[in-house]
N, C-alpha and C. Protein backbone atom coordinates (compact mmCIF):
# COMPACT_ATOMS: atom_id res chain seq x y z
N UNK A 1 -1.56 7.37 -23.15
CA UNK A 1 -0.59 6.14 -23.07
C UNK A 1 -0.27 6.14 -21.70
N UNK A 2 0.39 4.75 -20.94
CA UNK A 2 0.82 5.26 -19.23
C UNK A 2 2.42 4.97 -19.65
N UNK A 3 3.21 6.21 -18.54
CA UNK A 3 4.38 6.24 -18.78
C UNK A 3 5.16 5.35 -17.93
N UNK A 4 6.26 5.00 -18.08
CA UNK A 4 6.99 3.82 -17.31
C UNK A 4 7.20 4.13 -16.19
N UNK A 5 7.23 5.59 -15.57
CA UNK A 5 6.93 5.74 -14.02
C UNK A 5 6.15 5.63 -13.02
N UNK A 6 4.49 5.48 -14.37
CA UNK A 6 3.63 5.42 -13.54
C UNK A 6 3.13 3.97 -13.11
N UNK A 7 3.87 3.36 -14.38
CA UNK A 7 3.67 1.84 -14.09
C UNK A 7 4.82 1.38 -12.87
N UNK A 8 5.48 2.10 -12.92
CA UNK A 8 6.85 1.58 -11.55
C UNK A 8 5.91 1.83 -10.41
N UNK A 9 5.29 2.94 -10.49
CA UNK A 9 5.02 3.46 -9.22
C UNK A 9 3.56 2.45 -8.59
N UNK A 10 2.65 1.97 -9.77
CA UNK A 10 2.01 0.93 -9.07
C UNK A 10 2.36 -0.13 -8.99
N UNK A 11 3.18 -0.83 -9.78
CA UNK A 11 3.81 -1.73 -9.23
C UNK A 11 4.79 -1.86 -8.10
N UNK A 12 5.51 -0.72 -7.52
CA UNK A 12 6.34 -0.11 -6.44
C UNK A 12 5.02 -0.41 -5.07
N UNK A 13 4.03 0.08 -5.57
CA UNK A 13 2.87 0.23 -4.35
C UNK A 13 2.44 -1.28 -4.21
N UNK A 14 2.35 -2.06 -5.64
CA UNK A 14 2.01 -3.44 -4.89
C UNK A 14 2.43 -4.22 -4.13
N UNK A 15 3.89 -3.94 -4.44
CA UNK A 15 5.24 -4.58 -3.84
C UNK A 15 4.65 -3.99 -2.61
N UNK A 16 5.19 -3.11 -2.10
CA UNK A 16 5.05 -2.61 -0.87
C UNK A 16 3.98 -3.17 -0.16
N UNK A 17 2.66 -3.04 -1.21
CA UNK A 17 1.57 -3.89 -0.08
C UNK A 17 1.60 -5.14 0.35
N UNK A 18 2.41 -6.19 -0.67
CA UNK A 18 2.61 -7.44 -0.14
C UNK A 18 3.26 -7.19 0.75
N UNK A 19 4.71 -6.92 0.92
CA UNK A 19 5.27 -7.11 1.97
C UNK A 19 4.92 -6.42 3.30
N UNK A 20 4.20 -5.58 3.28
CA UNK A 20 3.10 -5.05 4.67
C UNK A 20 2.37 -6.37 5.23
N UNK A 21 1.37 -6.81 3.91
CA UNK A 21 0.73 -7.95 4.61
C UNK A 21 1.69 -9.12 5.05
N UNK A 22 2.67 -9.75 4.38
CA UNK A 22 3.12 -10.75 4.72
C UNK A 22 3.81 -10.11 6.17
N UNK A 23 4.29 -8.85 6.21
CA UNK A 23 4.83 -8.60 7.53
C UNK A 23 3.95 -8.47 8.61
N UNK A 24 2.44 -8.24 8.39
CA UNK A 24 1.34 -8.56 9.46
C UNK A 24 1.04 -9.91 9.87
N UNK A 25 1.11 -10.53 8.95
CA UNK A 25 0.65 -12.56 9.41
C UNK A 25 1.95 -12.46 10.00
N UNK A 26 3.14 -12.15 9.46
CA UNK A 26 4.22 -12.92 10.50
C UNK A 26 4.09 -12.46 12.01
N UNK A 27 3.44 -11.20 12.01
CA UNK A 27 3.70 -10.49 13.54
C UNK A 27 2.11 -11.37 13.97
N UNK A 28 1.36 -11.52 13.06
CA UNK A 28 0.13 -11.88 14.00
C UNK A 28 0.42 -13.40 14.52
N UNK A 29 1.41 -14.13 13.49
CA UNK A 29 2.04 -15.86 13.96
C UNK A 29 2.59 -15.51 15.50
N UNK A 30 3.03 -14.52 15.90
CA UNK A 30 3.81 -14.21 17.40
C UNK A 30 2.80 -14.36 18.32
N UNK A 31 1.58 -14.05 18.27
CA UNK A 31 0.31 -14.40 19.01
C UNK A 31 -0.32 -15.50 19.29
N UNK A 32 -0.66 -16.20 17.72
CA UNK A 32 -0.90 -17.10 17.29
C UNK A 32 -0.50 -18.52 17.36
N UNK A 33 -0.10 -18.74 15.79
CA UNK A 33 0.41 -19.99 15.36
C UNK A 33 1.93 -20.30 15.84
N UNK A 34 2.63 -19.61 16.23
CA UNK A 34 3.88 -19.78 17.16
C UNK A 34 3.10 -20.65 18.56
N UNK A 35 2.33 -19.80 19.55
CA UNK A 35 2.64 -20.53 20.78
C UNK A 35 1.65 -22.15 20.75
N UNK A 36 0.65 -21.75 19.55
CA UNK A 36 -0.56 -23.08 19.47
C UNK A 36 0.42 -24.12 19.12
N UNK A 37 1.06 -23.89 18.18
CA UNK A 37 1.99 -24.85 17.22
C UNK A 37 3.10 -25.73 18.59
N UNK A 38 3.60 -25.00 19.45
CA UNK A 38 4.52 -25.41 20.08
C UNK A 38 3.70 -26.26 20.86
N UNK A 39 2.63 -25.69 21.50
CA UNK A 39 1.98 -26.72 22.61
C UNK A 39 1.43 -27.86 22.10
N UNK A 40 1.21 -27.42 20.94
CA UNK A 40 0.46 -28.94 20.10
C UNK A 40 1.90 -30.02 20.04
N UNK A 41 3.09 -29.67 19.53
CA UNK A 41 3.94 -30.38 19.57
C UNK A 41 4.62 -31.24 21.09
N UNK A 42 4.69 -29.83 21.86
CA UNK A 42 4.92 -30.81 23.00
C UNK A 42 3.57 -31.45 23.54
N UNK A 43 2.27 -31.73 23.47
CA UNK A 43 1.33 -32.65 23.69
C UNK A 43 1.67 -33.87 22.76
N UNK A 44 2.20 -33.73 21.53
CA UNK A 44 2.84 -34.80 20.88
C UNK A 44 3.75 -35.61 21.58
N UNK A 45 4.86 -34.86 22.27
CA UNK A 45 6.33 -35.24 22.43
C UNK A 45 5.95 -35.62 23.99
N UNK A 46 4.86 -35.49 24.84
CA UNK A 46 4.17 -36.28 26.10
C UNK A 46 3.37 -37.48 25.72
N UNK A 47 4.13 -38.38 26.63
CA UNK A 47 3.57 -39.67 26.58
C UNK A 47 2.18 -40.03 27.73
N UNK A 48 2.18 -38.75 28.62
CA UNK A 48 1.12 -39.08 30.02
C UNK A 48 0.46 -37.59 29.87
N UNK A 49 -0.82 -37.63 30.62
CA UNK A 49 -1.31 -36.54 30.66
C UNK A 49 -0.52 -35.91 31.49
N UNK A 50 -0.31 -36.39 32.42
CA UNK A 50 1.01 -35.87 33.34
C UNK A 50 2.36 -35.81 33.49
N UNK A 51 2.75 -34.74 32.80
CA UNK A 51 4.05 -34.72 31.84
C UNK A 51 4.99 -34.31 33.17
N UNK A 52 6.24 -34.92 32.85
CA UNK A 52 7.56 -33.89 33.51
C UNK A 52 7.69 -32.28 32.99
N UNK A 53 8.85 -32.09 33.10
CA UNK A 53 9.46 -30.97 32.76
C UNK A 53 10.11 -30.90 31.35
N UNK A 54 9.80 -32.38 30.63
CA UNK A 54 10.43 -32.41 29.28
C UNK A 54 9.81 -30.95 28.37
N UNK A 55 8.37 -31.84 28.25
CA UNK A 55 7.63 -30.86 27.04
C UNK A 55 6.86 -29.27 27.43
N UNK A 56 7.65 -29.17 29.06
CA UNK A 56 7.42 -27.56 29.45
C UNK A 56 8.83 -27.09 28.69
N UNK A 57 9.48 -27.70 28.87
CA UNK A 57 11.11 -26.91 28.39
C UNK A 57 11.00 -26.44 26.89
N UNK A 58 10.23 -27.79 26.39
CA UNK A 58 9.95 -27.78 24.62
C UNK A 58 9.15 -26.54 24.50
N UNK A 59 8.03 -26.42 25.03
CA UNK A 59 7.50 -25.69 24.86
C UNK A 59 8.15 -24.06 24.89
N UNK A 60 8.66 -24.13 26.19
CA UNK A 60 9.43 -22.59 26.30
C UNK A 60 10.20 -22.36 25.42
N UNK A 61 11.06 -23.30 25.21
CA UNK A 61 12.29 -22.86 24.42
C UNK A 61 12.03 -22.75 22.78
N UNK A 62 11.07 -23.66 22.43
CA UNK A 62 10.63 -23.26 20.83
C UNK A 62 9.60 -22.12 20.63
N UNK A 63 9.17 -21.35 21.25
CA UNK A 63 8.32 -20.39 21.63
C UNK A 63 9.55 -19.28 21.48
N UNK A 64 10.67 -19.30 22.20
CA UNK A 64 11.37 -18.16 22.08
C UNK A 64 12.46 -18.23 20.91
N UNK A 65 13.26 -19.43 20.79
CA UNK A 65 13.60 -19.26 19.10
C UNK A 65 12.46 -19.19 18.10
N UNK A 66 11.33 -19.46 17.88
CA UNK A 66 10.17 -19.26 17.40
C UNK A 66 10.38 -17.85 17.11
N UNK A 67 10.19 -16.48 17.92
CA UNK A 67 9.83 -15.44 18.18
C UNK A 67 10.81 -14.80 17.67
N UNK A 68 12.47 -15.06 18.02
CA UNK A 68 13.78 -14.44 17.37
C UNK A 68 13.78 -14.88 15.89
N UNK A 69 13.24 -15.98 15.53
CA UNK A 69 13.22 -16.37 14.14
C UNK A 69 12.14 -15.49 13.08
N UNK A 70 10.99 -15.25 13.91
CA UNK A 70 10.08 -14.18 13.32
C UNK A 70 10.37 -12.89 13.17
N UNK A 71 10.91 -12.06 14.57
CA UNK A 71 11.68 -11.09 14.44
C UNK A 71 12.51 -10.86 13.41
N UNK A 72 13.60 -11.82 13.40
CA UNK A 72 14.72 -11.59 12.04
C UNK A 72 13.94 -11.30 10.92
N UNK A 73 12.86 -12.20 10.58
CA UNK A 73 12.04 -12.44 9.10
C UNK A 73 11.54 -11.18 9.01
N UNK A 74 10.91 -10.04 10.01
CA UNK A 74 10.27 -8.91 10.15
C UNK A 74 11.33 -7.70 9.93
N UNK A 75 12.03 -8.00 10.70
CA UNK A 75 13.69 -6.93 10.04
C UNK A 75 13.92 -6.95 8.65
N UNK A 76 13.95 -8.21 8.15
CA UNK A 76 14.56 -8.27 6.56
C UNK A 76 13.45 -8.10 5.87
N UNK A 77 11.99 -8.20 6.25
CA UNK A 77 11.01 -7.31 5.40
C UNK A 77 10.78 -5.96 5.16
N UNK A 78 11.54 -5.41 6.53
CA UNK A 78 11.16 -3.94 6.90
C UNK A 78 12.32 -3.33 5.41
N UNK A 79 13.44 -4.25 6.05
CA UNK A 79 14.83 -3.64 4.93
C UNK A 79 14.35 -3.75 3.18
N UNK A 80 13.33 -4.52 2.96
CA UNK A 80 13.08 -4.74 1.72
C UNK A 80 11.66 -3.83 1.68
N UNK A 81 11.03 -3.32 2.56
CA UNK A 81 10.09 -1.89 2.27
C UNK A 81 10.98 -1.21 1.89
N UNK A 82 11.67 -0.56 3.07
CA UNK A 82 12.61 0.47 2.84
C UNK A 82 13.01 0.41 1.22
N UNK A 83 13.59 -0.67 0.53
CA UNK A 83 14.49 -0.97 -0.70
C UNK A 83 12.99 -0.19 -1.48
N UNK A 84 12.17 -0.91 -1.35
CA UNK A 84 10.93 -0.65 -2.71
C UNK A 84 10.60 0.66 -2.19
N UNK A 85 10.42 1.26 -1.19
CA UNK A 85 9.16 2.26 -0.79
C UNK A 85 10.17 3.63 -0.94
N UNK A 86 11.59 3.64 -0.08
CA UNK A 86 12.28 4.24 0.21
C UNK A 86 12.68 5.15 1.39
N UNK A 87 11.42 4.87 2.23
CA UNK A 87 11.36 5.08 3.30
C UNK A 87 10.92 3.92 4.39
N UNK A 88 10.72 4.13 5.98
CA UNK A 88 10.30 3.41 6.82
C UNK A 88 9.20 4.07 7.50
N UNK A 89 8.79 5.12 6.91
CA UNK A 89 7.20 5.53 7.74
C UNK A 89 6.06 5.45 6.53
N UNK A 90 4.81 5.41 7.35
CA UNK A 90 3.99 5.60 6.45
C UNK A 90 3.57 6.88 6.67
N UNK A 91 2.70 7.17 5.71
CA UNK A 91 2.21 8.49 5.64
C UNK A 91 0.80 8.71 6.40
N UNK A 92 1.09 10.38 7.07
CA UNK A 92 0.14 10.52 7.69
C UNK A 92 -1.29 10.20 7.39
N UNK A 93 -2.08 9.64 8.27
CA UNK A 93 -3.81 9.56 7.86
C UNK A 93 -4.30 10.55 8.36
N UNK A 94 -4.35 11.53 8.35
CA UNK A 94 -5.08 12.51 9.13
C UNK A 94 -6.01 13.09 8.12
N UNK A 95 -7.39 13.05 8.62
CA UNK A 95 -8.43 13.65 8.02
C UNK A 95 -8.47 14.78 7.36
N UNK A 96 -8.21 15.53 5.97
CA UNK A 96 -8.58 17.22 5.65
C UNK A 96 -9.27 17.57 6.73
N UNK A 97 -10.62 17.00 7.45
CA UNK A 97 -11.16 18.10 8.16
C UNK A 97 -10.52 18.66 9.34
N UNK A 98 -9.58 17.61 9.68
CA UNK A 98 -9.13 18.15 11.28
C UNK A 98 -7.83 19.06 11.14
N UNK A 99 -7.34 19.47 9.32
CA UNK A 99 -6.37 20.16 9.65
C UNK A 99 -6.79 21.86 9.56
N UNK A 100 -5.89 22.31 9.72
CA UNK A 100 -6.14 23.87 9.84
C UNK A 100 -5.53 24.44 8.56
N UNK A 101 -6.10 25.53 8.06
CA UNK A 101 -5.91 26.17 6.78
C UNK A 101 -4.61 26.67 6.62
N UNK A 102 -3.69 26.88 7.98
CA UNK A 102 -2.62 27.35 8.17
C UNK A 102 -1.68 26.12 8.19
N UNK A 103 -2.14 24.85 8.67
CA UNK A 103 -1.52 23.61 8.89
C UNK A 103 -0.82 23.23 7.44
N UNK A 104 0.30 23.66 7.55
CA UNK A 104 1.44 23.44 6.19
C UNK A 104 2.35 22.69 6.59
N UNK A 105 3.06 22.40 8.18
CA UNK A 105 4.20 21.87 8.31
C UNK A 105 3.95 20.23 8.75
N UNK A 106 4.88 19.84 8.35
CA UNK A 106 4.49 18.20 8.36
C UNK A 106 4.19 17.50 9.43
N UNK A 107 3.69 15.96 9.27
CA UNK A 107 3.46 15.63 10.73
C UNK A 107 4.57 15.47 11.67
N UNK A 108 4.48 15.88 12.65
CA UNK A 108 6.14 15.62 13.70
C UNK A 108 6.58 13.77 13.98
N UNK A 109 5.10 13.32 14.08
CA UNK A 109 5.35 11.73 14.62
C UNK A 109 4.65 11.35 13.68
N UNK A 110 4.99 10.32 12.92
CA UNK A 110 4.34 9.68 12.08
C UNK A 110 5.09 8.23 12.37
N UNK A 111 4.41 7.43 11.81
CA UNK A 111 4.68 5.92 12.51
C UNK A 111 5.33 5.27 11.51
N UNK A 112 6.39 4.38 11.94
CA UNK A 112 7.04 3.44 11.12
C UNK A 112 6.15 2.53 10.87
N UNK A 113 6.64 1.54 9.62
CA UNK A 113 6.04 0.44 9.33
C UNK A 113 5.87 -0.46 10.33
N UNK A 114 7.18 -0.99 10.79
CA UNK A 114 7.27 -1.79 12.01
C UNK A 114 6.40 -1.69 13.45
N UNK A 115 5.98 -0.30 13.81
CA UNK A 115 5.06 -0.31 14.41
C UNK A 115 3.56 -0.50 13.79
N UNK A 116 3.41 -0.03 12.99
CA UNK A 116 2.01 -0.15 12.21
C UNK A 116 2.08 -1.84 12.23
N UNK A 117 2.78 -2.43 11.58
CA UNK A 117 2.77 -3.93 11.77
C UNK A 117 2.40 -4.32 13.62
N UNK A 118 3.34 -4.44 14.28
CA UNK A 118 2.98 -4.95 15.56
C UNK A 118 1.74 -4.22 16.00
N UNK A 119 1.28 -3.22 15.88
CA UNK A 119 -0.02 -2.80 17.21
C UNK A 119 -1.15 -3.55 16.40
N UNK A 120 -1.20 -3.57 14.50
CA UNK A 120 -2.22 -4.20 13.90
C UNK A 120 -2.04 -5.33 14.18
N UNK A 121 -1.32 -6.70 14.62
CA UNK A 121 -0.76 -7.54 15.01
C UNK A 121 -1.74 -8.01 15.81
N UNK A 122 -1.55 -6.99 16.83
CA UNK A 122 -2.11 -7.06 18.37
C UNK A 122 -3.52 -7.08 18.19
N UNK A 123 -4.10 -5.97 17.46
CA UNK A 123 -5.33 -5.62 17.32
C UNK A 123 -6.32 -6.85 16.89
N UNK A 124 -5.52 -7.61 15.80
CA UNK A 124 -5.91 -8.93 14.82
C UNK A 124 -6.51 -9.85 16.57
N UNK A 125 -5.19 -10.01 16.66
CA UNK A 125 -4.80 -10.90 18.18
C UNK A 125 -5.73 -10.85 18.86
N UNK A 126 -6.29 -9.65 19.73
CA UNK A 126 -7.34 -9.24 20.21
C UNK A 126 -8.77 -9.58 19.60
N UNK A 127 -9.12 -9.49 18.83
CA UNK A 127 -10.20 -9.85 17.69
C UNK A 127 -10.50 -11.09 18.00
N UNK A 128 -9.34 -11.66 17.40
CA UNK A 128 -9.56 -13.89 17.15
C UNK A 128 -9.67 -14.18 18.78
N UNK A 129 -9.00 -13.59 19.83
CA UNK A 129 -9.13 -13.66 21.25
C UNK A 129 -10.62 -13.53 21.50
N UNK A 130 -11.14 -12.62 21.21
CA UNK A 130 -12.65 -12.20 21.84
C UNK A 130 -13.52 -13.00 20.70
N UNK A 131 -13.35 -13.12 19.39
CA UNK A 131 -14.07 -14.01 18.89
C UNK A 131 -13.88 -15.97 19.03
N UNK A 132 -12.87 -15.88 19.53
CA UNK A 132 -13.05 -17.44 20.20
C UNK A 132 -13.32 -17.65 21.23
N UNK A 133 -13.19 -16.75 22.65
CA UNK A 133 -13.80 -16.51 23.67
C UNK A 133 -15.62 -16.54 23.83
N UNK A 134 -15.95 -15.27 22.91
CA UNK A 134 -17.39 -15.23 23.04
C UNK A 134 -18.45 -16.71 22.04
N UNK A 135 -17.79 -17.07 21.27
CA UNK A 135 -18.40 -17.69 20.30
C UNK A 135 -17.82 -19.37 20.08
N UNK A 136 -16.82 -19.47 19.86
CA UNK A 136 -16.17 -20.66 19.73
C UNK A 136 -15.99 -21.55 20.74
N UNK A 137 -15.68 -21.27 21.79
CA UNK A 137 -15.34 -21.62 22.99
C UNK A 137 -16.02 -22.41 24.05
N UNK A 138 -17.45 -22.25 23.90
CA UNK A 138 -18.73 -22.84 24.82
C UNK A 138 -18.12 -22.70 26.36
N UNK A 139 -19.44 -23.00 26.84
CA UNK A 139 -19.20 -22.85 28.12
C UNK A 139 -18.07 -23.60 29.71
N UNK A 140 -17.62 -23.16 30.07
CA UNK A 140 -17.13 -24.36 31.25
C UNK A 140 -17.88 -24.87 31.96
N UNK A 141 -19.09 -24.56 32.29
CA UNK A 141 -20.27 -24.49 32.91
C UNK A 141 -20.44 -26.13 32.64
N UNK A 142 -20.59 -27.00 33.52
CA UNK A 142 -21.47 -28.47 32.78
C UNK A 142 -22.47 -28.17 32.90
N UNK A 143 -23.26 -29.21 31.99
CA UNK A 143 -24.52 -28.70 31.82
C UNK A 143 -25.44 -29.66 33.19
N UNK A 144 -26.49 -29.12 33.66
CA UNK A 144 -27.13 -29.83 34.72
C UNK A 144 -28.45 -30.41 34.40
């Protein structure tokens, strides 16, 4: 029979994982969805192919406001993660074959959840940029 503490542990682990993934998607939107969305909005605001400063201001102000909003959301999700798990640190991910037999002290510099989320979002954004550049963008050289 499964005890209540074990069931709560699985539920907490699942909830923490969901919060972590939502934080990762929000951080990934900083590099992808937010700039692209505001460029699209500015293209709809502009009535000419050579716009004045208005659409550029819309893009700049919209990106800044959106980034502050997403940063606030990531902070709230981090607090939720801390409430669920009781810590804002990730467990050290050191392979056992790298540990010494005498290594009993805890890892000094563990990574926080926000650090892992932001670095993960940067890596995912770089992968998306690489895939787009090499596979989807096409050649800028005119066919002759």
